[in-house]
Amino acid sequence: TVPAVYAEKERFATQTGRRIVELVKEGVK
């Protein structure tokens, strides 16, 4: 629900990029 134009949305984007690498290594589908 973070508004599209908020900087918080960009921070979540970076965190999402980090987390997917961890999910791949963990094998969570």
mmCIF file of all heavy atoms, coordinates in Angstrom:
data_MODEL
# 
_entry.id   MODEL 
# 
loop_
_atom_site.group_PDB 
_atom_site.id 
_atom_site.type_symbol 
_atom_site.label_atom_id 
_atom_site.label_alt_id 
_atom_site.label_comp_id 
_atom_site.label_asym_id 
_atom_site.label_entity_id 
_atom_site.label_seq_id 
_atom_site.pdbx_PDB_ins_code 
_atom_site.Cartn_x 
_atom_site.Cartn_y 
_atom_site.Cartn_z 
_atom_site.occupancy 
_atom_site.B_iso_or_equiv 
_atom_site.pdbx_formal_charge 
_atom_site.auth_seq_id 
_atom_site.auth_comp_id 
_atom_site.auth_asym_id 
_atom_site.auth_atom_id 
_atom_site.pdbx_PDB_model_num 
ATOM 1   N N   . THR A 1 1  ? 0.804  -1.226  0.000  1.00 0.00 ? 1  THR A N   1 
ATOM 2   C CA  . THR A 1 1  ? 0.000  0.000   0.000  1.00 0.00 ? 1  THR A CA  1 
ATOM 3   C C   . THR A 1 1  ? 0.835  1.273   0.000  1.00 0.00 ? 1  THR A C   1 
ATOM 4   O O   . THR A 1 1  ? 0.285  2.379   0.028  1.00 0.00 ? 1  THR A O   1 
ATOM 5   C CB  . THR A 1 1  ? -0.949 0.035   1.221  1.00 0.00 ? 1  THR A CB  1 
ATOM 6   O OG1 . THR A 1 1  ? -0.171 -0.007  2.421  1.00 0.00 ? 1  THR A OG1 1 
ATOM 7   C CG2 . THR A 1 1  ? -1.930 -1.127  1.188  1.00 0.00 ? 1  THR A CG2 1 
ATOM 8   N N   . VAL A 1 2  ? 2.149  1.161   -0.064 1.00 0.00 ? 2  VAL A N   1 
ATOM 9   C CA  . VAL A 1 2  ? 3.002  2.352   -0.143 1.00 0.00 ? 2  VAL A CA  1 
ATOM 10  C C   . VAL A 1 2  ? 2.704  3.079   -1.452 1.00 0.00 ? 2  VAL A C   1 
ATOM 11  O O   . VAL A 1 2  ? 2.763  2.475   -2.528 1.00 0.00 ? 2  VAL A O   1 
ATOM 12  C CB  . VAL A 1 2  ? 4.493  1.987   -0.084 1.00 0.00 ? 2  VAL A CB  1 
ATOM 13  C CG1 . VAL A 1 2  ? 5.354  3.237   -0.230 1.00 0.00 ? 2  VAL A CG1 1 
ATOM 14  C CG2 . VAL A 1 2  ? 4.813  1.259   1.215  1.00 0.00 ? 2  VAL A CG2 1 
ATOM 15  N N   . PRO A 1 3  ? 2.358  4.359   -1.412 1.00 0.00 ? 3  PRO A N   1 
ATOM 16  C CA  . PRO A 1 3  ? 2.032  5.082   -2.647 1.00 0.00 ? 3  PRO A CA  1 
ATOM 17  C C   . PRO A 1 3  ? 3.146  5.020   -3.687 1.00 0.00 ? 3  PRO A C   1 
ATOM 18  O O   . PRO A 1 3  ? 4.340  4.984   -3.345 1.00 0.00 ? 3  PRO A O   1 
ATOM 19  C CB  . PRO A 1 3  ? 1.801  6.517   -2.152 1.00 0.00 ? 3  PRO A CB  1 
ATOM 20  C CG  . PRO A 1 3  ? 1.321  6.330   -0.742 1.00 0.00 ? 3  PRO A CG  1 
ATOM 21  C CD  . PRO A 1 3  ? 2.115  5.181   -0.206 1.00 0.00 ? 3  PRO A CD  1 
ATOM 22  N N   . ALA A 1 4  ? 2.732  5.002   -4.935 1.00 0.00 ? 4  ALA A N   1 
ATOM 23  C CA  . ALA A 1 4  ? 3.648  4.782   -6.053 1.00 0.00 ? 4  ALA A CA  1 
ATOM 24  C C   . ALA A 1 4  ? 4.809  5.767   -6.077 1.00 0.00 ? 4  ALA A C   1 
ATOM 25  O O   . ALA A 1 4  ? 5.921  5.410   -6.488 1.00 0.00 ? 4  ALA A O   1 
ATOM 26  C CB  . ALA A 1 4  ? 2.877  4.860   -7.371 1.00 0.00 ? 4  ALA A CB  1 
ATOM 27  N N   . VAL A 1 5  ? 4.579  7.004   -5.660 1.00 0.00 ? 5  VAL A N   1 
ATOM 28  C CA  . VAL A 1 5  ? 5.601  8.043   -5.809 1.00 0.00 ? 5  VAL A CA  1 
ATOM 29  C C   . VAL A 1 5  ? 6.456  8.229   -4.557 1.00 0.00 ? 5  VAL A C   1 
ATOM 30  O O   . VAL A 1 5  ? 7.333  9.085   -4.531 1.00 0.00 ? 5  VAL A O   1 
ATOM 31  C CB  . VAL A 1 5  ? 4.951  9.394   -6.184 1.00 0.00 ? 5  VAL A CB  1 
ATOM 32  C CG1 . VAL A 1 5  ? 4.268  9.292   -7.539 1.00 0.00 ? 5  VAL A CG1 1 
ATOM 33  C CG2 . VAL A 1 5  ? 3.946  9.843   -5.119 1.00 0.00 ? 5  VAL A CG2 1 
ATOM 34  N N   . TYR A 1 6  ? 6.237  7.428   -3.518 1.00 0.00 ? 6  TYR A N   1 
ATOM 35  C CA  . TYR A 1 6  ? 6.992  7.596   -2.282 1.00 0.00 ? 6  TYR A CA  1 
ATOM 36  C C   . TYR A 1 6  ? 8.377  6.941   -2.389 1.00 0.00 ? 6  TYR A C   1 
ATOM 37  O O   . TYR A 1 6  ? 8.541  5.887   -3.002 1.00 0.00 ? 6  TYR A O   1 
ATOM 38  C CB  . TYR A 1 6  ? 6.248  6.962   -1.106 1.00 0.00 ? 6  TYR A CB  1 
ATOM 39  C CG  . TYR A 1 6  ? 5.104  7.770   -0.560 1.00 0.00 ? 6  TYR A CG  1 
ATOM 40  C CD1 . TYR A 1 6  ? 4.504  8.788   -1.291 1.00 0.00 ? 6  TYR A CD1 1 
ATOM 41  C CD2 . TYR A 1 6  ? 4.610  7.507   0.723  1.00 0.00 ? 6  TYR A CD2 1 
ATOM 42  C CE1 . TYR A 1 6  ? 3.445  9.513   -0.778 1.00 0.00 ? 6  TYR A CE1 1 
ATOM 43  C CE2 . TYR A 1 6  ? 3.539  8.224   1.245  1.00 0.00 ? 6  TYR A CE2 1 
ATOM 44  C CZ  . TYR A 1 6  ? 2.959  9.226   0.486  1.00 0.00 ? 6  TYR A CZ  1 
ATOM 45  O OH  . TYR A 1 6  ? 1.907  9.951   0.992  1.00 0.00 ? 6  TYR A OH  1 
ATOM 46  N N   . ALA A 1 7  ? 9.351  7.581   -1.737 1.00 0.00 ? 7  ALA A N   1 
ATOM 47  C CA  . ALA A 1 7  ? 10.695 7.002   -1.696 1.00 0.00 ? 7  ALA A CA  1 
ATOM 48  C C   . ALA A 1 7  ? 10.692 5.649   -0.992 1.00 0.00 ? 7  ALA A C   1 
ATOM 49  O O   . ALA A 1 7  ? 11.512 4.777   -1.294 1.00 0.00 ? 7  ALA A O   1 
ATOM 50  C CB  . ALA A 1 7  ? 11.652 7.960   -0.979 1.00 0.00 ? 7  ALA A CB  1 
ATOM 51  N N   . GLU A 1 8  ? 9.759  5.456   -0.072 1.00 0.00 ? 8  GLU A N   1 
ATOM 52  C CA  . GLU A 1 8  ? 9.658  4.177   0.633  1.00 0.00 ? 8  GLU A CA  1 
ATOM 53  C C   . GLU A 1 8  ? 9.436  3.029   -0.338 1.00 0.00 ? 8  GLU A C   1 
ATOM 54  O O   . GLU A 1 8  ? 9.913  1.911   -0.120 1.00 0.00 ? 8  GLU A O   1 
ATOM 55  C CB  . GLU A 1 8  ? 8.521  4.239   1.653  1.00 0.00 ? 8  GLU A CB  1 
ATOM 56  C CG  . GLU A 1 8  ? 8.399  2.991   2.510  1.00 0.00 ? 8  GLU A CG  1 
ATOM 57  C CD  . GLU A 1 8  ? 7.237  3.062   3.484  1.00 0.00 ? 8  GLU A CD  1 
ATOM 58  O OE1 . GLU A 1 8  ? 6.502  4.074   3.467  1.00 0.00 ? 8  GLU A OE1 1 
ATOM 59  O OE2 . GLU A 1 8  ? 7.071  2.107   4.264  1.00 0.00 ? 8  GLU A OE2 1 
ATOM 60  N N   . LYS A 1 9  ? 8.698  3.297   -1.422 1.00 0.00 ? 9  LYS A N   1 
ATOM 61  C CA  . LYS A 1 9  ? 8.478  2.259   -2.433 1.00 0.00 ? 9  LYS A CA  1 
ATOM 62  C C   . LYS A 1 9  ? 9.798  1.855   -3.077 1.00 0.00 ? 9  LYS A C   1 
ATOM 63  O O   . LYS A 1 9  ? 10.045 0.666   -3.344 1.00 0.00 ? 9  LYS A O   1 
ATOM 64  C CB  . LYS A 1 9  ? 7.477  2.748   -3.487 1.00 0.00 ? 9  LYS A CB  1 
ATOM 65  C CG  . LYS A 1 9  ? 7.158  1.732   -4.570 1.00 0.00 ? 9  LYS A CG  1 
ATOM 66  C CD  . LYS A 1 9  ? 6.468  0.496   -4.030 1.00 0.00 ? 9  LYS A CD  1 
ATOM 67  C CE  . LYS A 1 9  ? 5.000  0.720   -3.779 1.00 0.00 ? 9  LYS A CE  1 
ATOM 68  N NZ  . LYS A 1 9  ? 4.310  -0.562  -3.413 1.00 0.00 ? 9  LYS A NZ  1 
ATOM 69  N N   . GLU A 1 10 ? 10.684 2.822   -3.306 1.00 0.00 ? 10 GLU A N   1 
ATOM 70  C CA  . GLU A 1 10 ? 11.992 2.510   -3.881 1.00 0.00 ? 10 GLU A CA  1 
ATOM 71  C C   . GLU A 1 10 ? 12.839 1.698   -2.901 1.00 0.00 ? 10 GLU A C   1 
ATOM 72  O O   . GLU A 1 10 ? 13.578 0.789   -3.297 1.00 0.00 ? 10 GLU A O   1 
ATOM 73  C CB  . GLU A 1 10 ? 12.701 3.804   -4.279 1.00 0.00 ? 10 GLU A CB  1 
ATOM 74  C CG  . GLU A 1 10 ? 11.974 4.572   -5.377 1.00 0.00 ? 10 GLU A CG  1 
ATOM 75  C CD  . GLU A 1 10 ? 12.826 5.688   -5.961 1.00 0.00 ? 10 GLU A CD  1 
ATOM 76  O OE1 . GLU A 1 10 ? 14.061 5.530   -6.045 1.00 0.00 ? 10 GLU A OE1 1 
ATOM 77  O OE2 . GLU A 1 10 ? 12.243 6.719   -6.337 1.00 0.00 ? 10 GLU A OE2 1 
ATOM 78  N N   . ARG A 1 11 ? 12.722 2.017   -1.630 1.00 0.00 ? 11 ARG A N   1 
ATOM 79  C CA  . ARG A 1 11 ? 13.470 1.240   -0.640 1.00 0.00 ? 11 ARG A CA  1 
ATOM 80  C C   . ARG A 1 11 ? 12.989 -0.213  -0.609 1.00 0.00 ? 11 ARG A C   1 
ATOM 81  O O   . ARG A 1 11 ? 13.793 -1.147  -0.506 1.00 0.00 ? 11 ARG A O   1 
ATOM 82  C CB  . ARG A 1 11 ? 13.349 1.890   0.744  1.00 0.00 ? 11 ARG A CB  1 
ATOM 83  C CG  . ARG A 1 11 ? 13.963 3.281   0.830  1.00 0.00 ? 11 ARG A CG  1 
ATOM 84  C CD  . ARG A 1 11 ? 14.177 3.731   2.263  1.00 0.00 ? 11 ARG A CD  1 
ATOM 85  N NE  . ARG A 1 11 ? 12.949 3.910   3.008  1.00 0.00 ? 11 ARG A NE  1 
ATOM 86  C CZ  . ARG A 1 11 ? 12.247 5.046   3.047  1.00 0.00 ? 11 ARG A CZ  1 
ATOM 87  N NH1 . ARG A 1 11 ? 12.654 6.104   2.347  1.00 0.00 ? 11 ARG A NH1 1 
ATOM 88  N NH2 . ARG A 1 11 ? 11.151 5.142   3.779  1.00 0.00 ? 11 ARG A NH2 1 
ATOM 89  N N   . PHE A 1 12 ? 11.677 -0.387  -0.718 1.00 0.00 ? 12 PHE A N   1 
ATOM 90  C CA  . PHE A 1 12 ? 11.147 -1.747  -0.779 1.00 0.00 ? 12 PHE A CA  1 
ATOM 91  C C   . PHE A 1 12 ? 11.629 -2.471  -2.043 1.00 0.00 ? 12 PHE A C   1 
ATOM 92  O O   . PHE A 1 12 ? 11.844 -3.681  -2.026 1.00 0.00 ? 12 PHE A O   1 
ATOM 93  C CB  . PHE A 1 12 ? 9.620  -1.738  -0.738 1.00 0.00 ? 12 PHE A CB  1 
ATOM 94  C CG  . PHE A 1 12 ? 9.050  -1.840  0.654  1.00 0.00 ? 12 PHE A CG  1 
ATOM 95  C CD1 . PHE A 1 12 ? 8.298  -0.807  1.188  1.00 0.00 ? 12 PHE A CD1 1 
ATOM 96  C CD2 . PHE A 1 12 ? 9.262  -2.980  1.415  1.00 0.00 ? 12 PHE A CD2 1 
ATOM 97  C CE1 . PHE A 1 12 ? 7.766  -0.903  2.473  1.00 0.00 ? 12 PHE A CE1 1 
ATOM 98  C CE2 . PHE A 1 12 ? 8.737  -3.091  2.700  1.00 0.00 ? 12 PHE A CE2 1 
ATOM 99  C CZ  . PHE A 1 12 ? 7.991  -2.051  3.231  1.00 0.00 ? 12 PHE A CZ  1 
ATOM 100 N N   . ALA A 1 13 ? 11.793 -1.723  -3.127 1.00 0.00 ? 13 ALA A N   1 
ATOM 101 C CA  . ALA A 1 13 ? 12.291 -2.339  -4.364 1.00 0.00 ? 13 ALA A CA  1 
ATOM 102 C C   . ALA A 1 13 ? 13.702 -2.889  -4.160 1.00 0.00 ? 13 ALA A C   1 
ATOM 103 O O   . ALA A 1 13 ? 14.013 -4.016  -4.578 1.00 0.00 ? 13 ALA A O   1 
ATOM 104 C CB  . ALA A 1 13 ? 12.265 -1.315  -5.497 1.00 0.00 ? 13 ALA A CB  1 
ATOM 105 N N   . THR A 1 14 ? 14.555 -2.115  -3.519 1.00 0.00 ? 14 THR A N   1 
ATOM 106 C CA  . THR A 1 14 ? 15.918 -2.584  -3.249 1.00 0.00 ? 14 THR A CA  1 
ATOM 107 C C   . THR A 1 14 ? 15.893 -3.802  -2.332 1.00 0.00 ? 14 THR A C   1 
ATOM 108 O O   . THR A 1 14 ? 16.602 -4.797  -2.565 1.00 0.00 ? 14 THR A O   1 
ATOM 109 C CB  . THR A 1 14 ? 16.749 -1.459  -2.608 1.00 0.00 ? 14 THR A CB  1 
ATOM 110 O OG1 . THR A 1 14 ? 16.670 -0.283  -3.414 1.00 0.00 ? 14 THR A OG1 1 
ATOM 111 C CG2 . THR A 1 14 ? 18.211 -1.881  -2.472 1.00 0.00 ? 14 THR A CG2 1 
ATOM 112 N N   . GLN A 1 15 ? 15.082 -3.736  -1.283 1.00 0.00 ? 15 GLN A N   1 
ATOM 113 C CA  . GLN A 1 15 ? 14.981 -4.865  -0.359 1.00 0.00 ? 15 GLN A CA  1 
ATOM 114 C C   . GLN A 1 15 ? 14.446 -6.113  -1.061 1.00 0.00 ? 15 GLN A C   1 
ATOM 115 O O   . GLN A 1 15 ? 14.876 -7.235  -0.762 1.00 0.00 ? 15 GLN A O   1 
ATOM 116 C CB  . GLN A 1 15 ? 14.066 -4.484  0.814  1.00 0.00 ? 15 GLN A CB  1 
ATOM 117 C CG  . GLN A 1 15 ? 14.622 -3.390  1.705  1.00 0.00 ? 15 GLN A CG  1 
ATOM 118 C CD  . GLN A 1 15 ? 13.558 -2.790  2.617  1.00 0.00 ? 15 GLN A CD  1 
ATOM 119 O OE1 . GLN A 1 15 ? 12.546 -3.427  2.917  1.00 0.00 ? 15 GLN A OE1 1 
ATOM 120 N NE2 . GLN A 1 15 ? 13.768 -1.547  3.045  1.00 0.00 ? 15 GLN A NE2 1 
ATOM 121 N N   . THR A 1 16 ? 13.507 -5.919  -1.980 1.00 0.00 ? 16 THR A N   1 
ATOM 122 C CA  . THR A 1 16 ? 12.961 -7.040  -2.737 1.00 0.00 ? 16 THR A CA  1 
ATOM 123 C C   . THR A 1 16 ? 14.043 -7.696  -3.588 1.00 0.00 ? 16 THR A C   1 
ATOM 124 O O   . THR A 1 16 ? 14.128 -8.934  -3.672 1.00 0.00 ? 16 THR A O   1 
ATOM 125 C CB  . THR A 1 16 ? 11.800 -6.561  -3.624 1.00 0.00 ? 16 THR A CB  1 
ATOM 126 O OG1 . THR A 1 16 ? 10.746 -6.061  -2.791 1.00 0.00 ? 16 THR A OG1 1 
ATOM 127 C CG2 . THR A 1 16 ? 11.263 -7.679  -4.495 1.00 0.00 ? 16 THR A CG2 1 
ATOM 128 N N   . GLY A 1 17 ? 14.897 -6.869  -4.213 1.00 0.00 ? 17 GLY A N   1 
ATOM 129 C CA  . GLY A 1 17 ? 16.008 -7.410  -4.991 1.00 0.00 ? 17 GLY A CA  1 
ATOM 130 C C   . GLY A 1 17 ? 16.964 -8.227  -4.147 1.00 0.00 ? 17 GLY A C   1 
ATOM 131 O O   . GLY A 1 17 ? 17.444 -9.289  -4.562 1.00 0.00 ? 17 GLY A O   1 
ATOM 132 N N   . ARG A 1 18 ? 17.242 -7.751  -2.947 1.00 0.00 ? 18 ARG A N   1 
ATOM 133 C CA  . ARG A 1 18 ? 18.124 -8.518  -2.055 1.00 0.00 ? 18 ARG A CA  1 
ATOM 134 C C   . ARG A 1 18 ? 17.471 -9.834  -1.639 1.00 0.00 ? 18 ARG A C   1 
ATOM 135 O O   . ARG A 1 18 ? 18.104 -10.889 -1.618 1.00 0.00 ? 18 ARG A O   1 
ATOM 136 C CB  . ARG A 1 18 ? 18.439 -7.693  -0.806 1.00 0.00 ? 18 ARG A CB  1 
ATOM 137 C CG  . ARG A 1 18 ? 19.247 -6.434  -1.031 1.00 0.00 ? 18 ARG A CG  1 
ATOM 138 C CD  . ARG A 1 18 ? 19.565 -5.790  0.318  1.00 0.00 ? 18 ARG A CD  1 
ATOM 139 N NE  . ARG A 1 18 ? 20.067 -4.435  0.156  1.00 0.00 ? 18 ARG A NE  1 
ATOM 140 C CZ  . ARG A 1 18 ? 19.587 -3.368  0.787  1.00 0.00 ? 18 ARG A CZ  1 
ATOM 141 N NH1 . ARG A 1 18 ? 18.565 -3.503  1.629  1.00 0.00 ? 18 ARG A NH1 1 
ATOM 142 N NH2 . ARG A 1 18 ? 20.112 -2.175  0.602  1.00 0.00 ? 18 ARG A NH2 1 
ATOM 143 N N   . ARG A 1 19 ? 16.197 -9.756  -1.298 1.00 0.00 ? 19 ARG A N   1 
ATOM 144 C CA  . ARG A 1 19 ? 15.525 -10.928 -0.744 1.00 0.00 ? 19 ARG A CA  1 
ATOM 145 C C   . ARG A 1 19 ? 15.369 -12.054 -1.764 1.00 0.00 ? 19 ARG A C   1 
ATOM 146 O O   . ARG A 1 19 ? 15.435 -13.230 -1.403 1.00 0.00 ? 19 ARG A O   1 
ATOM 147 C CB  . ARG A 1 19 ? 14.160 -10.521 -0.193 1.00 0.00 ? 19 ARG A CB  1 
ATOM 148 C CG  . ARG A 1 19 ? 13.387 -11.663 0.467  1.00 0.00 ? 19 ARG A CG  1 
ATOM 149 C CD  . ARG A 1 19 ? 14.142 -12.292 1.623  1.00 0.00 ? 19 ARG A CD  1 
ATOM 150 N NE  . ARG A 1 19 ? 13.422 -13.457 2.148  1.00 0.00 ? 19 ARG A NE  1 
ATOM 151 C CZ  . ARG A 1 19 ? 13.997 -14.511 2.710  1.00 0.00 ? 19 ARG A CZ  1 
ATOM 152 N NH1 . ARG A 1 19 ? 15.324 -14.560 2.833  1.00 0.00 ? 19 ARG A NH1 1 
ATOM 153 N NH2 . ARG A 1 19 ? 13.279 -15.502 3.153  1.00 0.00 ? 19 ARG A NH2 1 
ATOM 154 N N   . ILE A 1 20 ? 15.180 -11.731 -3.043 1.00 0.00 ? 20 ILE A N   1 
ATOM 155 C CA  . ILE A 1 20 ? 14.989 -12.807 -4.021 1.00 0.00 ? 20 ILE A CA  1 
ATOM 156 C C   . ILE A 1 20 ? 16.242 -13.669 -4.129 1.00 0.00 ? 20 ILE A C   1 
ATOM 157 O O   . ILE A 1 20 ? 16.158 -14.883 -4.307 1.00 0.00 ? 20 ILE A O   1 
ATOM 158 C CB  . ILE A 1 20 ? 14.576 -12.261 -5.414 1.00 0.00 ? 20 ILE A CB  1 
ATOM 159 C CG1 . ILE A 1 20 ? 14.242 -13.421 -6.366 1.00 0.00 ? 20 ILE A CG1 1 
ATOM 160 C CG2 . ILE A 1 20 ? 15.660 -11.390 -6.015 1.00 0.00 ? 20 ILE A CG2 1 
ATOM 161 C CD1 . ILE A 1 20 ? 13.153 -14.349 -5.894 1.00 0.00 ? 20 ILE A CD1 1 
ATOM 162 N N   . VAL A 1 21 ? 17.410 -13.076 -3.986 1.00 0.00 ? 21 VAL A N   1 
ATOM 163 C CA  . VAL A 1 21 ? 18.648 -13.857 -4.041 1.00 0.00 ? 21 VAL A CA  1 
ATOM 164 C C   . VAL A 1 21 ? 18.677 -14.846 -2.875 1.00 0.00 ? 21 VAL A C   1 
ATOM 165 O O   . VAL A 1 21 ? 19.051 -16.019 -3.036 1.00 0.00 ? 21 VAL A O   1 
ATOM 166 C CB  . VAL A 1 21 ? 19.885 -12.938 -4.023 1.00 0.00 ? 21 VAL A CB  1 
ATOM 167 C CG1 . VAL A 1 21 ? 21.165 -13.775 -4.030 1.00 0.00 ? 21 VAL A CG1 1 
ATOM 168 C CG2 . VAL A 1 21 ? 19.862 -11.994 -5.229 1.00 0.00 ? 21 VAL A CG2 1 
ATOM 169 N N   . GLU A 1 22 ? 18.255 -14.387 -1.697 1.00 0.00 ? 22 GLU A N   1 
ATOM 170 C CA  . GLU A 1 22 ? 18.202 -15.278 -0.543 1.00 0.00 ? 22 GLU A CA  1 
ATOM 171 C C   . GLU A 1 22 ? 17.181 -16.396 -0.749 1.00 0.00 ? 22 GLU A C   1 
ATOM 172 O O   . GLU A 1 22 ? 17.430 -17.556 -0.402 1.00 0.00 ? 22 GLU A O   1 
ATOM 173 C CB  . GLU A 1 22 ? 17.851 -14.469 0.714  1.00 0.00 ? 22 GLU A CB  1 
ATOM 174 C CG  . GLU A 1 22 ? 18.912 -13.429 1.084  1.00 0.00 ? 22 GLU A CG  1 
ATOM 175 C CD  . GLU A 1 22 ? 18.428 -12.484 2.179  1.00 0.00 ? 22 GLU A CD  1 
ATOM 176 O OE1 . GLU A 1 22 ? 17.232 -12.559 2.546  1.00 0.00 ? 22 GLU A OE1 1 
ATOM 177 O OE2 . GLU A 1 22 ? 19.249 -11.665 2.641  1.00 0.00 ? 22 GLU A OE2 1 
ATOM 178 N N   . LEU A 1 23 ? 16.019 -16.051 -1.325 1.00 0.00 ? 23 LEU A N   1 
ATOM 179 C CA  . LEU A 1 23 ? 14.993 -17.062 -1.576 1.00 0.00 ? 23 LEU A CA  1 
ATOM 180 C C   . LEU A 1 23 ? 15.488 -18.134 -2.540 1.00 0.00 ? 23 LEU A C   1 
ATOM 181 O O   . LEU A 1 23 ? 15.183 -19.318 -2.383 1.00 0.00 ? 23 LEU A O   1 
ATOM 182 C CB  . LEU A 1 23 ? 13.726 -16.403 -2.141 1.00 0.00 ? 23 LEU A CB  1 
ATOM 183 C CG  . LEU A 1 23 ? 12.871 -15.606 -1.158 1.00 0.00 ? 23 LEU A CG  1 
ATOM 184 C CD1 . LEU A 1 23 ? 11.809 -14.812 -1.905 1.00 0.00 ? 23 LEU A CD1 1 
ATOM 185 C CD2 . LEU A 1 23 ? 12.221 -16.525 -0.130 1.00 0.00 ? 23 LEU A CD2 1 
ATOM 186 N N   . VAL A 1 24 ? 16.253 -17.706 -3.549 1.00 0.00 ? 24 VAL A N   1 
ATOM 187 C CA  . VAL A 1 24 ? 16.810 -18.666 -4.507 1.00 0.00 ? 24 VAL A CA  1 
ATOM 188 C C   . VAL A 1 24 ? 17.762 -19.619 -3.792 1.00 0.00 ? 24 VAL A C   1 
ATOM 189 O O   . VAL A 1 24 ? 17.732 -20.837 -4.004 1.00 0.00 ? 24 VAL A O   1 
ATOM 190 C CB  . VAL A 1 24 ? 17.509 -17.922 -5.662 1.00 0.00 ? 24 VAL A CB  1 
ATOM 191 C CG1 . VAL A 1 24 ? 18.374 -18.877 -6.479 1.00 0.00 ? 24 VAL A CG1 1 
ATOM 192 C CG2 . VAL A 1 24 ? 16.464 -17.258 -6.565 1.00 0.00 ? 24 VAL A CG2 1 
ATOM 193 N N   . LYS A 1 25 ? 18.604 -19.074 -2.947 1.00 0.00 ? 25 LYS A N   1 
ATOM 194 C CA  . LYS A 1 25 ? 19.557 -19.918 -2.218 1.00 0.00 ? 25 LYS A CA  1 
ATOM 195 C C   . LYS A 1 25 ? 18.840 -20.843 -1.223 1.00 0.00 ? 25 LYS A C   1 
ATOM 196 O O   . LYS A 1 25 ? 19.291 -21.956 -0.950 1.00 0.00 ? 25 LYS A O   1 
ATOM 197 C CB  . LYS A 1 25 ? 20.583 -19.052 -1.505 1.00 0.00 ? 25 LYS A CB  1 
ATOM 198 C CG  . LYS A 1 25 ? 21.517 -18.320 -2.474 1.00 0.00 ? 25 LYS A CG  1 
ATOM 199 C CD  . LYS A 1 25 ? 22.497 -17.410 -1.737 1.00 0.00 ? 25 LYS A CD  1 
ATOM 200 C CE  . LYS A 1 25 ? 23.434 -16.704 -2.713 1.00 0.00 ? 25 LYS A CE  1 
ATOM 201 N NZ  . LYS A 1 25 ? 24.365 -15.773 -2.018 1.00 0.00 ? 25 LYS A NZ  1 
ATOM 202 N N   . GLU A 1 26 ? 17.709 -20.371 -0.683 1.00 0.00 ? 26 GLU A N   1 
ATOM 203 C CA  . GLU A 1 26 ? 16.928 -21.187 0.247  1.00 0.00 ? 26 GLU A CA  1 
ATOM 204 C C   . GLU A 1 26 ? 16.039 -22.194 -0.476 1.00 0.00 ? 26 GLU A C   1 
ATOM 205 O O   . GLU A 1 26 ? 15.538 -23.148 0.136  1.00 0.00 ? 26 GLU A O   1 
ATOM 206 C CB  . GLU A 1 26 ? 16.060 -20.280 1.124  1.00 0.00 ? 26 GLU A CB  1 
ATOM 207 C CG  . GLU A 1 26 ? 16.861 -19.378 2.060  1.00 0.00 ? 26 GLU A CG  1 
ATOM 208 C CD  . GLU A 1 26 ? 16.015 -18.266 2.659  1.00 0.00 ? 26 GLU A CD  1 
ATOM 209 O OE1 . GLU A 1 26 ? 14.773 -18.270 2.429  1.00 0.00 ? 26 GLU A OE1 1 
ATOM 210 O OE2 . GLU A 1 26 ? 16.568 -17.380 3.337  1.00 0.00 ? 26 GLU A OE2 1 
ATOM 211 N N   . GLY A 1 27 ? 15.807 -21.964 -1.778 1.00 0.00 ? 27 GLY A N   1 
ATOM 212 C CA  . GLY A 1 27 ? 14.970 -22.867 -2.559 1.00 0.00 ? 27 GLY A CA  1 
ATOM 213 C C   . GLY A 1 27 ? 13.490 -22.762 -2.264 1.00 0.00 ? 27 GLY A C   1 
ATOM 214 O O   . GLY A 1 27 ? 12.732 -23.716 -2.483 1.00 0.00 ? 27 GLY A O   1 
ATOM 215 N N   . VAL A 1 28 ? 13.032 -21.586 -1.800 1.00 0.00 ? 28 VAL A N   1 
ATOM 216 C CA  . VAL A 1 28 ? 11.619 -21.395 -1.472 1.00 0.00 ? 28 VAL A CA  1 
ATOM 217 C C   . VAL A 1 28 ? 10.865 -20.951 -2.725 1.00 0.00 ? 28 VAL A C   1 
ATOM 218 O O   . VAL A 1 28 ? 11.142 -19.887 -3.280 1.00 0.00 ? 28 VAL A O   1 
ATOM 219 C CB  . VAL A 1 28 ? 11.456 -20.350 -0.358 1.00 0.00 ? 28 VAL A CB  1 
ATOM 220 C CG1 . VAL A 1 28 ? 9.973  -20.123 -0.064 1.00 0.00 ? 28 VAL A CG1 1 
ATOM 221 C CG2 . VAL A 1 28 ? 12.177 -20.798 0.906  1.00 0.00 ? 28 VAL A CG2 1 
ATOM 222 N N   . LYS A 1 29 ? 9.893  -21.771 -3.143 1.00 0.00 ? 29 LYS A N   1 
ATOM 223 C CA  . LYS A 1 29 ? 9.125  -21.501 -4.357 1.00 0.00 ? 29 LYS A CA  1 
ATOM 224 C C   . LYS A 1 29 ? 7.687  -21.125 -4.009 1.00 0.00 ? 29 LYS A C   1 
ATOM 225 O O   . LYS A 1 29 ? 7.224  -21.363 -2.888 1.00 0.00 ? 29 LYS A O   1 
ATOM 226 C CB  . LYS A 1 29 ? 9.145  -22.742 -5.246 1.00 0.00 ? 29 LYS A CB  1 
ATOM 227 C CG  . LYS A 1 29 ? 10.530 -23.161 -5.704 1.00 0.00 ? 29 LYS A CG  1 
ATOM 228 C CD  . LYS A 1 29 ? 10.461 -24.437 -6.540 1.00 0.00 ? 29 LYS A CD  1 
ATOM 229 C CE  . LYS A 1 29 ? 11.843 -24.897 -6.964 1.00 0.00 ? 29 LYS A CE  1 
ATOM 230 N NZ  . LYS A 1 29 ? 11.789 -26.146 -7.768 1.00 0.00 ? 29 LYS A NZ  1 
# 
